[in-house]
Structure formats: C-alpha cells, structure tokens
Amino acid sequence: MAVPKTQRGKDRREQILRAAETVFGELGYSEASISEITRQAGTAQGTFYIYFDSKEAAFSELVAEMGRMTRTVLSEAAAGAGDRLEAEHLGLRAFLRFVAERPALYRIVEEARFVDPAAYRDYFTGFAAAYARQLQRAADAGEIRPGDAEVRAWALMGMAKSLGERFALQRSTDGLDAVAEQAYRLIRDGLEGPR
C-alpha cells in the first residue's frame, strides 16, 4: 500500500476508507465490492488500487482503525477520572456512544472474526493487554480489590461488547447513559445482595 505524500492523496485515501466503512458495514464483506466502494467514494476504481492492494487490505485497515479510535475515545473519556472505578464508568459510557455513532466500524470488527481472524485477534488481545495493565496498576494503588487483571480485562470487555451489540447498535444514543449507569453499578457493587 502506498502512503500518500500529499494532502490531496491523504484526503482521497480517507474518502475511500469512509466509503469502505459504509459499504462493508451495510453489505458485509462478502457482498461488498471495490466497484461499490469507489462508487460511494466518487472516484475511479483504479484510484482504489493506488492506496489499497485489495478489498481485504481496506477491510483490515478499518479493523486496525477501529482499534486505534476506540483506544483514543476511551483514553480521552477516562482522562479526567479520579480513580479506576470512575474511569470504568466514563469509558463504558464513551464506548457505547462511539458504537452508536459508528455502527459500521463496530460491525466490521465483528465480521473480522471470520474474514480476517488475525486482525480480529490482534484487535482484542492488544486491547486486553493494555486494559489488564491499567487494572493491575489500579489494584496495586488500592483503587480496586486485588484480582487477576487479565481475567478482569476480558470480562469487562465482554460486558462492553455485549452491551454495544444489544443497546448501541439497536438504538440511537438515547438511553445509553442509563445503560452505562446500570452496568457501572454492577461493576462497582457486583451481584452480591445484602447480608
């Protein structure tokens, strides 16, 4: 893949990626075509190949982009948190809003499980490793109870992923803060009832 050197080239590549996001998100990988992507982008089919070697390359780039964007959104949301629990609350709320605003990217990552298993695995394992480090630091600082940081990271990611599929993909951002609040209470308090 050629890396654009000019702003015009960067803009064109971005235009093609946004069109690919729409097409893959709406049609799925197998039904999407380069001709449909370039039609959506308003560019010639040959232009696609200046920036991407194949449909697969554009798809994989979108999976990697979702990973970068998700980490950025969550980092920015949690930046002002006073502790790990507040970071969990702010991060979950930001994640659900992000999924609602960019549902095509979310669907692309989910489809990557079958289309590009390596990209799918890298997306989740990279995210989980960073998450586990954050949780371990919080446990070491006494912000949360000690426990297996890797298990916790995967469990919390699974919760966010499922909530995204059920609520953020199936409705607008309306009501997502209430969903995040309920999930946060579960994270904070657990399921144990009063004794």
N, C-alpha and C. Protein backbone atom coordinates (compact mmCIF):
# COMPACT_ATOMS: atom_id res chain seq x y z
N MET A 1 0.83 -1.18 0.00
CA MET A 1 0.00 0.00 0.00
C MET A 1 0.87 1.24 0.00
N ALA A 2 0.48 2.17 -0.83
CA ALA A 2 1.21 3.43 -0.89
C ALA A 2 0.71 4.37 0.19
N VAL A 3 1.64 5.01 0.87
CA VAL A 3 1.28 6.02 1.86
C VAL A 3 1.26 7.36 1.13
N PRO A 4 0.14 8.05 1.15
CA PRO A 4 0.05 9.31 0.42
C PRO A 4 1.04 10.34 0.96
N LYS A 5 1.65 11.08 0.05
CA LYS A 5 2.62 12.09 0.44
C LYS A 5 2.01 13.49 0.45
N THR A 6 0.94 13.67 -0.30
CA THR A 6 0.31 14.99 -0.38
C THR A 6 -0.98 15.00 0.41
N GLN A 7 -1.44 16.19 0.77
CA GLN A 7 -2.71 16.31 1.48
C GLN A 7 -3.85 15.81 0.60
N ARG A 8 -3.76 16.08 -0.68
CA ARG A 8 -4.79 15.61 -1.61
C ARG A 8 -4.87 14.08 -1.60
N GLY A 9 -3.71 13.44 -1.59
CA GLY A 9 -3.67 11.98 -1.54
C GLY A 9 -4.21 11.45 -0.23
N LYS A 10 -3.86 12.11 0.87
CA LYS A 10 -4.37 11.69 2.18
C LYS A 10 -5.89 11.83 2.23
N ASP A 11 -6.38 12.93 1.68
CA ASP A 11 -7.84 13.15 1.66
C ASP A 11 -8.54 12.10 0.81
N ARG A 12 -7.96 11.76 -0.33
CA ARG A 12 -8.56 10.75 -1.21
C ARG A 12 -8.57 9.38 -0.55
N ARG A 13 -7.46 9.02 0.10
CA ARG A 13 -7.41 7.73 0.80
C ARG A 13 -8.47 7.68 1.91
N GLU A 14 -8.59 8.78 2.65
CA GLU A 14 -9.60 8.85 3.71
C GLU A 14 -11.01 8.74 3.13
N GLN A 15 -11.23 9.36 2.00
CA GLN A 15 -12.54 9.30 1.33
C GLN A 15 -12.87 7.85 0.95
N ILE A 16 -11.89 7.13 0.46
CA ILE A 16 -12.09 5.73 0.09
C ILE A 16 -12.35 4.88 1.34
N LEU A 17 -11.60 5.14 2.41
CA LEU A 17 -11.81 4.39 3.65
C LEU A 17 -13.20 4.62 4.22
N ARG A 18 -13.67 5.87 4.19
CA ARG A 18 -15.02 6.16 4.72
C ARG A 18 -16.08 5.46 3.87
N ALA A 19 -15.87 5.43 2.56
CA ALA A 19 -16.81 4.73 1.69
C ALA A 19 -16.76 3.23 1.98
N ALA A 20 -15.56 2.69 2.19
CA ALA A 20 -15.41 1.26 2.52
C ALA A 20 -16.11 0.95 3.84
N GLU A 21 -15.99 1.84 4.81
CA GLU A 21 -16.67 1.65 6.10
C GLU A 21 -18.18 1.53 5.88
N THR A 22 -18.72 2.41 5.07
CA THR A 22 -20.16 2.38 4.79
C THR A 22 -20.56 1.10 4.07
N VAL A 23 -19.84 0.76 3.03
CA VAL A 23 -20.19 -0.41 2.21
C VAL A 23 -20.02 -1.71 2.99
N PHE A 24 -18.88 -1.89 3.66
CA PHE A 24 -18.69 -3.10 4.46
C PHE A 24 -19.72 -3.17 5.58
N GLY A 25 -19.99 -2.04 6.20
CA GLY A 25 -20.94 -2.00 7.31
C GLY A 25 -22.36 -2.33 6.89
N GLU A 26 -22.74 -1.89 5.69
CA GLU A 26 -24.11 -2.14 5.21
C GLU A 26 -24.27 -3.49 4.53
N LEU A 27 -23.29 -3.86 3.71
CA LEU A 27 -23.43 -5.07 2.89
C LEU A 27 -22.73 -6.29 3.46
N GLY A 28 -21.77 -6.07 4.34
CA GLY A 28 -20.93 -7.16 4.80
C GLY A 28 -19.79 -7.38 3.81
N TYR A 29 -18.77 -8.06 4.29
CA TYR A 29 -17.56 -8.23 3.49
C TYR A 29 -17.82 -8.96 2.17
N SER A 30 -18.51 -10.07 2.22
CA SER A 30 -18.64 -10.90 1.01
C SER A 30 -19.45 -10.20 -0.08
N GLU A 31 -20.43 -9.40 0.31
CA GLU A 31 -21.26 -8.71 -0.69
C GLU A 31 -20.66 -7.39 -1.16
N ALA A 32 -19.73 -6.86 -0.39
CA ALA A 32 -19.10 -5.59 -0.76
C ALA A 32 -18.17 -5.80 -1.94
N SER A 33 -18.08 -4.79 -2.78
CA SER A 33 -17.18 -4.86 -3.93
C SER A 33 -16.38 -3.57 -4.02
N ILE A 34 -15.24 -3.68 -4.66
CA ILE A 34 -14.42 -2.48 -4.86
C ILE A 34 -15.16 -1.48 -5.72
N SER A 35 -15.92 -1.97 -6.69
CA SER A 35 -16.67 -1.03 -7.54
C SER A 35 -17.72 -0.27 -6.73
N GLU A 36 -18.35 -0.92 -5.74
CA GLU A 36 -19.32 -0.22 -4.90
C GLU A 36 -18.62 0.77 -3.97
N ILE A 37 -17.47 0.38 -3.46
CA ILE A 37 -16.70 1.29 -2.60
C ILE A 37 -16.30 2.54 -3.38
N THR A 38 -15.77 2.35 -4.58
CA THR A 38 -15.34 3.52 -5.35
C THR A 38 -16.53 4.34 -5.84
N ARG A 39 -17.65 3.69 -6.10
CA ARG A 39 -18.85 4.44 -6.47
C ARG A 39 -19.27 5.34 -5.31
N GLN A 40 -19.29 4.78 -4.10
CA GLN A 40 -19.63 5.56 -2.91
C GLN A 40 -18.64 6.68 -2.68
N ALA A 41 -17.37 6.41 -2.96
CA ALA A 41 -16.31 7.41 -2.75
C ALA A 41 -16.29 8.47 -3.85
N GLY A 42 -16.99 8.20 -4.95
CA GLY A 42 -16.99 9.14 -6.07
C GLY A 42 -15.64 9.21 -6.76
N THR A 43 -15.01 8.06 -6.90
CA THR A 43 -13.68 8.01 -7.52
C THR A 43 -13.59 6.83 -8.48
N ALA A 44 -12.59 6.84 -9.31
CA ALA A 44 -12.39 5.75 -10.27
C ALA A 44 -11.89 4.50 -9.56
N GLN A 45 -12.25 3.35 -10.10
CA GLN A 45 -11.87 2.08 -9.49
C GLN A 45 -10.35 1.95 -9.41
N GLY A 46 -9.66 2.42 -10.42
CA GLY A 46 -8.19 2.35 -10.41
C GLY A 46 -7.57 3.14 -9.27
N THR A 47 -8.25 4.19 -8.84
CA THR A 47 -7.74 5.01 -7.73
C THR A 47 -7.67 4.20 -6.44
N PHE A 48 -8.62 3.29 -6.26
CA PHE A 48 -8.62 2.42 -5.08
C PHE A 48 -7.28 1.73 -4.94
N TYR A 49 -6.76 1.21 -6.06
CA TYR A 49 -5.53 0.41 -6.03
C TYR A 49 -4.28 1.24 -5.82
N ILE A 50 -4.38 2.54 -5.91
CA ILE A 50 -3.24 3.41 -5.55
C ILE A 50 -3.00 3.32 -4.05
N TYR A 51 -4.07 3.16 -3.29
CA TYR A 51 -3.99 3.21 -1.84
C TYR A 51 -4.12 1.86 -1.15
N PHE A 52 -4.78 0.91 -1.80
CA PHE A 52 -5.00 -0.41 -1.20
C PHE A 52 -4.74 -1.49 -2.23
N ASP A 53 -4.09 -2.56 -1.81
CA ASP A 53 -3.78 -3.68 -2.70
C ASP A 53 -5.01 -4.50 -3.05
N SER A 54 -5.99 -4.52 -2.14
CA SER A 54 -7.14 -5.39 -2.31
C SER A 54 -8.28 -4.94 -1.40
N LYS A 55 -9.42 -5.55 -1.61
CA LYS A 55 -10.56 -5.33 -0.71
C LYS A 55 -10.19 -5.74 0.70
N GLU A 56 -9.45 -6.84 0.83
CA GLU A 56 -9.03 -7.34 2.13
C GLU A 56 -8.17 -6.32 2.87
N ALA A 57 -7.29 -5.64 2.13
CA ALA A 57 -6.40 -4.64 2.74
C ALA A 57 -7.20 -3.48 3.31
N ALA A 58 -8.21 -3.02 2.59
CA ALA A 58 -9.06 -1.93 3.08
C ALA A 58 -9.83 -2.39 4.32
N PHE A 59 -10.33 -3.60 4.29
CA PHE A 59 -11.07 -4.15 5.42
C PHE A 59 -10.18 -4.22 6.66
N SER A 60 -8.98 -4.77 6.51
CA SER A 60 -8.05 -4.90 7.63
C SER A 60 -7.66 -3.53 8.18
N GLU A 61 -7.51 -2.56 7.30
CA GLU A 61 -7.20 -1.20 7.75
C GLU A 61 -8.33 -0.65 8.61
N LEU A 62 -9.56 -0.94 8.26
CA LEU A 62 -10.69 -0.47 9.05
C LEU A 62 -10.73 -1.14 10.43
N VAL A 63 -10.37 -2.41 10.50
CA VAL A 63 -10.32 -3.09 11.80
C VAL A 63 -9.25 -2.44 12.68
N ALA A 64 -8.08 -2.19 12.10
CA ALA A 64 -7.00 -1.53 12.85
C ALA A 64 -7.41 -0.12 13.26
N GLU A 65 -8.10 0.58 12.37
CA GLU A 65 -8.56 1.93 12.67
C GLU A 65 -9.54 1.93 13.84
N MET A 66 -10.44 0.96 13.86
CA MET A 66 -11.40 0.86 14.96
C MET A 66 -10.65 0.68 16.28
N GLY A 67 -9.61 -0.12 16.27
CA GLY A 67 -8.81 -0.31 17.48
C GLY A 67 -8.18 0.99 17.94
N ARG A 68 -7.57 1.72 17.02
CA ARG A 68 -6.94 2.99 17.37
C ARG A 68 -7.98 3.99 17.88
N MET A 69 -9.10 4.08 17.18
CA MET A 69 -10.13 5.04 17.55
C MET A 69 -10.75 4.69 18.91
N THR A 70 -10.99 3.43 19.15
CA THR A 70 -11.59 3.01 20.42
C THR A 70 -10.66 3.36 21.57
N ARG A 71 -9.38 3.05 21.42
CA ARG A 71 -8.42 3.37 22.48
C ARG A 71 -8.36 4.88 22.72
N THR A 72 -8.41 5.67 21.66
CA THR A 72 -8.37 7.13 21.80
C THR A 72 -9.62 7.63 22.52
N VAL A 73 -10.79 7.16 22.07
CA VAL A 73 -12.05 7.58 22.69
C VAL A 73 -12.07 7.25 24.17
N LEU A 74 -11.66 6.04 24.52
CA LEU A 74 -11.69 5.62 25.92
C LEU A 74 -10.65 6.36 26.76
N SER A 75 -9.47 6.58 26.19
CA SER A 75 -8.44 7.32 26.92
C SER A 75 -8.89 8.74 27.20
N GLU A 76 -9.46 9.38 26.19
CA GLU A 76 -9.93 10.76 26.37
C GLU A 76 -11.06 10.83 27.39
N ALA A 77 -11.97 9.86 27.34
CA ALA A 77 -13.10 9.85 28.27
C ALA A 77 -12.64 9.65 29.70
N ALA A 78 -11.65 8.80 29.90
CA ALA A 78 -11.20 8.47 31.26
C ALA A 78 -10.12 9.41 31.78
N ALA A 79 -9.66 10.33 30.95
CA ALA A 79 -8.54 11.19 31.33
C ALA A 79 -8.81 11.98 32.60
N GLY A 80 -10.03 12.42 32.80
CA GLY A 80 -10.34 13.22 33.98
C GLY A 80 -10.83 12.43 35.17
N ALA A 81 -10.79 11.12 35.08
CA ALA A 81 -11.32 10.28 36.17
C ALA A 81 -10.44 10.38 37.41
N GLY A 82 -11.09 10.38 38.56
CA GLY A 82 -10.37 10.44 39.81
C GLY A 82 -9.77 9.12 40.23
N ASP A 83 -10.38 8.01 39.77
CA ASP A 83 -9.88 6.69 40.11
C ASP A 83 -10.33 5.69 39.05
N ARG A 84 -9.95 4.42 39.24
CA ARG A 84 -10.23 3.38 38.25
C ARG A 84 -11.73 3.15 38.07
N LEU A 85 -12.48 3.17 39.14
CA LEU A 85 -13.92 2.93 39.01
C LEU A 85 -14.59 4.04 38.21
N GLU A 86 -14.20 5.27 38.45
CA GLU A 86 -14.76 6.37 37.66
C GLU A 86 -14.32 6.24 36.20
N ALA A 87 -13.08 5.80 35.97
CA ALA A 87 -12.61 5.58 34.59
C ALA A 87 -13.44 4.51 33.89
N GLU A 88 -13.82 3.46 34.64
CA GLU A 88 -14.68 2.41 34.06
C GLU A 88 -16.02 3.00 33.63
N HIS A 89 -16.60 3.81 34.49
CA HIS A 89 -17.90 4.40 34.21
C HIS A 89 -17.83 5.31 32.98
N LEU A 90 -16.87 6.22 32.98
CA LEU A 90 -16.73 7.16 31.86
C LEU A 90 -16.37 6.44 30.56
N GLY A 91 -15.50 5.43 30.68
CA GLY A 91 -15.08 4.69 29.49
C GLY A 91 -16.22 3.89 28.88
N LEU A 92 -17.02 3.25 29.71
CA LEU A 92 -18.15 2.47 29.19
C LEU A 92 -19.16 3.37 28.50
N ARG A 93 -19.45 4.49 29.12
CA ARG A 93 -20.39 5.44 28.50
C ARG A 93 -19.87 5.93 27.16
N ALA A 94 -18.58 6.27 27.10
CA ALA A 94 -17.98 6.74 25.85
C ALA A 94 -17.99 5.64 24.79
N PHE A 95 -17.71 4.40 25.20
CA PHE A 95 -17.69 3.29 24.25
C PHE A 95 -19.07 3.08 23.63
N LEU A 96 -20.11 3.07 24.44
CA LEU A 96 -21.47 2.86 23.92
C LEU A 96 -21.87 3.98 22.96
N ARG A 97 -21.51 5.19 23.28
CA ARG A 97 -21.81 6.32 22.38
C ARG A 97 -21.05 6.17 21.07
N PHE A 98 -19.80 5.76 21.16
CA PHE A 98 -18.97 5.58 19.97
C PHE A 98 -19.57 4.51 19.06
N VAL A 99 -19.99 3.41 19.64
CA VAL A 99 -20.61 2.33 18.84
C VAL A 99 -21.88 2.85 18.16
N ALA A 100 -22.69 3.61 18.90
CA ALA A 100 -23.93 4.14 18.34
C ALA A 100 -23.65 5.12 17.20
N GLU A 101 -22.56 5.86 17.31
CA GLU A 101 -22.21 6.85 16.29
C GLU A 101 -21.50 6.24 15.09
N ARG A 102 -20.81 5.13 15.27
CA ARG A 102 -20.05 4.49 14.19
C ARG A 102 -20.39 3.00 14.09
N PRO A 103 -21.67 2.66 13.90
CA PRO A 103 -22.06 1.24 13.92
C PRO A 103 -21.40 0.41 12.82
N ALA A 104 -21.10 1.01 11.68
CA ALA A 104 -20.48 0.24 10.60
C ALA A 104 -19.11 -0.28 11.02
N LEU A 105 -18.32 0.56 11.68
CA LEU A 105 -17.00 0.11 12.14
C LEU A 105 -17.13 -1.03 13.14
N TYR A 106 -18.09 -0.94 14.02
CA TYR A 106 -18.30 -2.00 15.00
C TYR A 106 -18.66 -3.31 14.30
N ARG A 107 -19.54 -3.24 13.32
CA ARG A 107 -19.93 -4.44 12.58
C ARG A 107 -18.74 -5.03 11.82
N ILE A 108 -17.88 -4.17 11.30
CA ILE A 108 -16.69 -4.63 10.58
C ILE A 108 -15.79 -5.42 11.50
N VAL A 109 -15.57 -4.91 12.71
CA VAL A 109 -14.72 -5.64 13.67
C VAL A 109 -15.33 -7.00 13.97
N GLU A 110 -16.63 -7.05 14.17
CA GLU A 110 -17.28 -8.33 14.45
C GLU A 110 -17.14 -9.30 13.28
N GLU A 111 -17.27 -8.80 12.06
CA GLU A 111 -17.15 -9.66 10.89
C GLU A 111 -15.71 -10.12 10.68
N ALA A 112 -14.76 -9.36 11.20
CA ALA A 112 -13.34 -9.72 11.05
C ALA A 112 -13.04 -11.08 11.68
N ARG A 113 -13.85 -11.51 12.62
CA ARG A 113 -13.66 -12.82 13.24
C ARG A 113 -13.59 -13.91 12.16
N PHE A 114 -14.35 -13.73 11.08
CA PHE A 114 -14.42 -14.72 10.02
C PHE A 114 -13.60 -14.31 8.79
N VAL A 115 -13.53 -13.01 8.54
CA VAL A 115 -12.86 -12.51 7.33
C VAL A 115 -11.35 -12.39 7.53
N ASP A 116 -10.94 -11.87 8.67
CA ASP A 116 -9.53 -11.65 8.96
C ASP A 116 -9.27 -11.99 10.43
N PRO A 117 -9.23 -13.30 10.75
CA PRO A 117 -9.10 -13.71 12.14
C PRO A 117 -7.87 -13.12 12.85
N ALA A 118 -6.78 -12.92 12.12
CA ALA A 118 -5.58 -12.36 12.75
C ALA A 118 -5.84 -10.92 13.19
N ALA A 119 -6.49 -10.13 12.34
CA ALA A 119 -6.80 -8.74 12.71
C ALA A 119 -7.77 -8.71 13.87
N TYR A 120 -8.74 -9.60 13.87
CA TYR A 120 -9.71 -9.68 14.96
C TYR A 120 -9.01 -10.02 16.28
N ARG A 121 -8.14 -11.02 16.23
CA ARG A 121 -7.39 -11.45 17.43
C ARG A 121 -6.49 -10.31 17.91
N ASP A 122 -5.79 -9.66 16.99
CA ASP A 122 -4.91 -8.56 17.37
C ASP A 122 -5.69 -7.41 18.00
N TYR A 123 -6.86 -7.13 17.45
CA TYR A 123 -7.70 -6.06 17.98
C TYR A 123 -8.00 -6.31 19.45
N PHE A 124 -8.48 -7.50 19.78
CA PHE A 124 -8.89 -7.79 21.15
C PHE A 124 -7.73 -8.09 22.08
N THR A 125 -6.72 -8.82 21.63
CA THR A 125 -5.61 -9.14 22.53
C THR A 125 -4.79 -7.91 22.87
N GLY A 126 -4.59 -7.03 21.90
CA GLY A 126 -3.86 -5.79 22.17
C GLY A 126 -4.61 -4.92 23.16
N PHE A 127 -5.90 -4.81 22.94
CA PHE A 127 -6.74 -4.02 23.83
C PHE A 127 -6.74 -4.62 25.24
N ALA A 128 -6.89 -5.93 25.32
CA ALA A 128 -6.94 -6.60 26.62
C ALA A 128 -5.64 -6.46 27.40
N ALA A 129 -4.52 -6.53 26.71
CA ALA A 129 -3.22 -6.41 27.40
C ALA A 129 -3.08 -5.02 28.03
N ALA A 130 -3.43 -3.98 27.28
CA ALA A 130 -3.35 -2.62 27.82
C ALA A 130 -4.33 -2.44 28.97
N TYR A 131 -5.52 -2.97 28.82
CA TYR A 131 -6.55 -2.87 29.84
C TYR A 131 -6.11 -3.57 31.13
N ALA A 132 -5.54 -4.75 30.99
CA ALA A 132 -5.07 -5.51 32.15
C ALA A 132 -3.99 -4.74 32.90
N ARG A 133 -3.10 -4.08 32.16
CA ARG A 133 -2.06 -3.27 32.82
C ARG A 133 -2.68 -2.14 33.64
N GLN A 134 -3.70 -1.50 33.09
CA GLN A 134 -4.38 -0.42 33.82
C GLN A 134 -5.06 -0.95 35.08
N LEU A 135 -5.72 -2.08 34.94
CA LEU A 135 -6.39 -2.68 36.10
C LEU A 135 -5.39 -3.10 37.17
N GLN A 136 -4.25 -3.64 36.75
CA GLN A 136 -3.23 -4.06 37.72
C GLN A 136 -2.67 -2.85 38.45
N ARG A 137 -2.42 -1.77 37.73
CA ARG A 137 -1.93 -0.54 38.38
C ARG A 137 -2.95 -0.04 39.41
N ALA A 138 -4.23 -0.11 39.05
CA ALA A 138 -5.28 0.34 39.97
C ALA A 138 -5.33 -0.56 41.21
N ALA A 139 -5.16 -1.85 41.02
CA ALA A 139 -5.15 -2.77 42.17
C ALA A 139 -3.93 -2.51 43.04
N ASP A 140 -2.79 -2.30 42.41
CA ASP A 140 -1.56 -2.02 43.16
C ASP A 140 -1.68 -0.72 43.97
N ALA A 141 -2.45 0.23 43.43
CA ALA A 141 -2.64 1.51 44.11
C ALA A 141 -3.76 1.46 45.15
N GLY A 142 -4.44 0.31 45.26
CA GLY A 142 -5.51 0.16 46.23
C GLY A 142 -6.84 0.77 45.78
N GLU A 143 -6.97 1.10 44.50
CA GLU A 143 -8.23 1.67 44.00
C GLU A 143 -9.31 0.61 43.80
N ILE A 144 -8.88 -0.61 43.52
CA ILE A 144 -9.80 -1.74 43.35
C ILE A 144 -9.22 -2.94 44.10
N ARG A 145 -10.08 -3.92 44.38
CA ARG A 145 -9.60 -5.13 45.06
C ARG A 145 -8.59 -5.86 44.19
N PRO A 146 -7.65 -6.56 44.81
CA PRO A 146 -6.71 -7.38 44.03
C PRO A 146 -7.46 -8.49 43.30
N GLY A 147 -6.93 -8.91 42.18
CA GLY A 147 -7.52 -9.99 41.40
C GLY A 147 -6.74 -10.18 40.11
N ASP A 148 -7.11 -11.18 39.35
CA ASP A 148 -6.44 -11.49 38.09
C ASP A 148 -6.80 -10.43 37.06
N ALA A 149 -5.86 -9.57 36.74
CA ALA A 149 -6.11 -8.44 35.85
C ALA A 149 -6.50 -8.89 34.44
N GLU A 150 -5.91 -9.97 33.96
CA GLU A 150 -6.25 -10.44 32.61
C GLU A 150 -7.70 -10.92 32.55
N VAL A 151 -8.11 -11.71 33.53
CA VAL A 151 -9.49 -12.19 33.57
C VAL A 151 -10.45 -11.00 33.67
N ARG A 152 -10.13 -10.07 34.52
CA ARG A 152 -10.97 -8.89 34.67
C ARG A 152 -11.08 -8.10 33.37
N ALA A 153 -9.95 -7.92 32.69
CA ALA A 153 -9.97 -7.16 31.43
C ALA A 153 -10.89 -7.82 30.42
N TRP A 154 -10.76 -9.14 30.24
CA TRP A 154 -11.60 -9.84 29.27
C TRP A 154 -13.07 -9.82 29.70
N ALA A 155 -13.34 -9.95 30.99
CA ALA A 155 -14.73 -9.91 31.47
C ALA A 155 -15.35 -8.54 31.23
N LEU A 156 -14.62 -7.49 31.52
CA LEU A 156 -15.15 -6.13 31.32
C LEU A 156 -15.31 -5.82 29.83
N MET A 157 -14.36 -6.31 29.01
CA MET A 157 -14.50 -6.12 27.57
C MET A 157 -15.72 -6.87 27.04
N GLY A 158 -15.94 -8.08 27.55
CA GLY A 158 -17.10 -8.85 27.12
C GLY A 158 -18.40 -8.15 27.47
N MET A 159 -18.44 -7.55 28.64
CA MET A 159 -19.63 -6.80 29.04
C MET A 159 -19.87 -5.63 28.09
N ALA A 160 -18.84 -4.86 27.83
CA ALA A 160 -18.99 -3.70 26.95
C ALA A 160 -19.39 -4.13 25.54
N LYS A 161 -18.77 -5.19 25.05
CA LYS A 161 -19.08 -5.70 23.71
C LYS A 161 -20.54 -6.12 23.61
N SER A 162 -21.02 -6.86 24.60
CA SER A 162 -22.41 -7.31 24.59
C SER A 162 -23.39 -6.15 24.71
N LEU A 163 -23.08 -5.20 25.57
CA LEU A 163 -23.95 -4.03 25.71
C LEU A 163 -23.97 -3.22 24.41
N GLY A 164 -22.82 -3.13 23.76
CA GLY A 164 -22.77 -2.43 22.47
C GLY A 164 -23.66 -3.10 21.44
N GLU A 165 -23.60 -4.43 21.37
CA GLU A 165 -24.43 -5.16 20.41
C GLU A 165 -25.91 -5.00 20.72
N ARG A 166 -26.28 -5.10 21.98
CA ARG A 166 -27.70 -5.07 22.35
C ARG A 166 -28.30 -3.67 22.32
N PHE A 167 -27.57 -2.70 22.83
CA PHE A 167 -28.17 -1.38 23.00
C PHE A 167 -27.66 -0.34 22.01
N ALA A 168 -26.35 -0.23 21.82
CA ALA A 168 -25.82 0.84 20.97
C ALA A 168 -26.09 0.62 19.49
N LEU A 169 -26.09 -0.62 19.04
CA LEU A 169 -26.37 -0.88 17.63
C LEU A 169 -27.85 -0.83 17.31
N GLN A 170 -28.68 -0.97 18.30
CA GLN A 170 -30.12 -1.08 18.04
C GLN A 170 -30.90 0.17 18.41
N ARG A 171 -30.22 1.20 18.82
CA ARG A 171 -30.90 2.47 19.12
C ARG A 171 -29.89 3.60 18.96
N SER A 172 -30.41 4.81 19.00
CA SER A 172 -29.53 5.97 18.95
C SER A 172 -28.85 6.11 20.30
N THR A 173 -28.21 7.24 20.51
CA THR A 173 -27.53 7.45 21.79
C THR A 173 -28.52 7.68 22.93
N ASP A 174 -29.82 7.83 22.62
CA ASP A 174 -30.83 7.98 23.67
C ASP A 174 -30.83 6.76 24.57
N GLY A 175 -30.77 6.99 25.85
CA GLY A 175 -30.85 5.91 26.82
C GLY A 175 -29.54 5.21 27.10
N LEU A 176 -28.48 5.51 26.37
CA LEU A 176 -27.22 4.80 26.58
C LEU A 176 -26.56 5.16 27.91
N ASP A 177 -26.76 6.38 28.36
CA ASP A 177 -26.18 6.75 29.65
C ASP A 177 -26.80 5.92 30.77
N ALA A 178 -28.10 5.64 30.66
CA ALA A 178 -28.76 4.81 31.67
C ALA A 178 -28.24 3.38 31.62
N VAL A 179 -27.98 2.87 30.42
CA VAL A 179 -27.40 1.53 30.27
C VAL A 179 -26.02 1.50 30.92
N ALA A 180 -25.21 2.52 30.62
CA ALA A 180 -23.86 2.59 31.19
C ALA A 180 -23.93 2.68 32.71
N GLU A 181 -24.90 3.42 33.23
CA GLU A 181 -25.05 3.57 34.68
C GLU A 181 -25.38 2.22 35.33
N GLN A 182 -26.29 1.46 34.74
CA GLN A 182 -26.65 0.15 35.30
C GLN A 182 -25.45 -0.80 35.27
N ALA A 183 -24.72 -0.80 34.15
CA ALA A 183 -23.55 -1.67 34.05
C ALA A 183 -22.47 -1.24 35.03
N TYR A 184 -22.31 0.07 35.18
CA TYR A 184 -21.31 0.57 36.14
C TYR A 184 -21.64 0.13 37.56
N ARG A 185 -22.91 0.17 37.93
CA ARG A 185 -23.30 -0.28 39.28
C ARG A 185 -22.95 -1.75 39.49
N LEU A 186 -23.12 -2.54 38.42
CA LEU A 186 -22.75 -3.96 38.51
C LEU A 186 -21.24 -4.09 38.69
N ILE A 187 -20.48 -3.31 37.94
CA ILE A 187 -19.03 -3.35 38.06
C ILE A 187 -18.61 -2.91 39.47
N ARG A 188 -19.19 -1.84 39.94
CA ARG A 188 -18.83 -1.26 41.24
C ARG A 188 -19.25 -2.15 42.41
N ASP A 189 -20.48 -2.67 42.35
CA ASP A 189 -21.05 -3.35 43.50
C ASP A 189 -21.13 -4.85 43.39
N GLY A 190 -21.00 -5.39 42.17
CA GLY A 190 -21.13 -6.83 41.98
C GLY A 190 -22.59 -7.26 42.10
N LEU A 191 -22.80 -8.54 42.16
CA LEU A 191 -24.17 -9.09 42.23
C LEU A 191 -24.56 -9.50 43.64
N GLU A 192 -23.60 -9.48 44.55
CA GLU A 192 -23.90 -9.95 45.90
C GLU A 192 -24.94 -9.05 46.55
N GLY A 193 -25.96 -9.69 47.12
CA GLY A 193 -27.02 -8.96 47.79
C GLY A 193 -26.63 -8.62 49.22
N PRO A 194 -27.50 -7.87 49.90
CA PRO A 194 -27.22 -7.51 51.29
C PRO A 194 -27.21 -8.76 52.16
N ARG A 195 -26.37 -8.75 53.14
CA ARG A 195 -26.26 -9.90 54.06
C ARG A 195 -26.98 -9.60 55.35
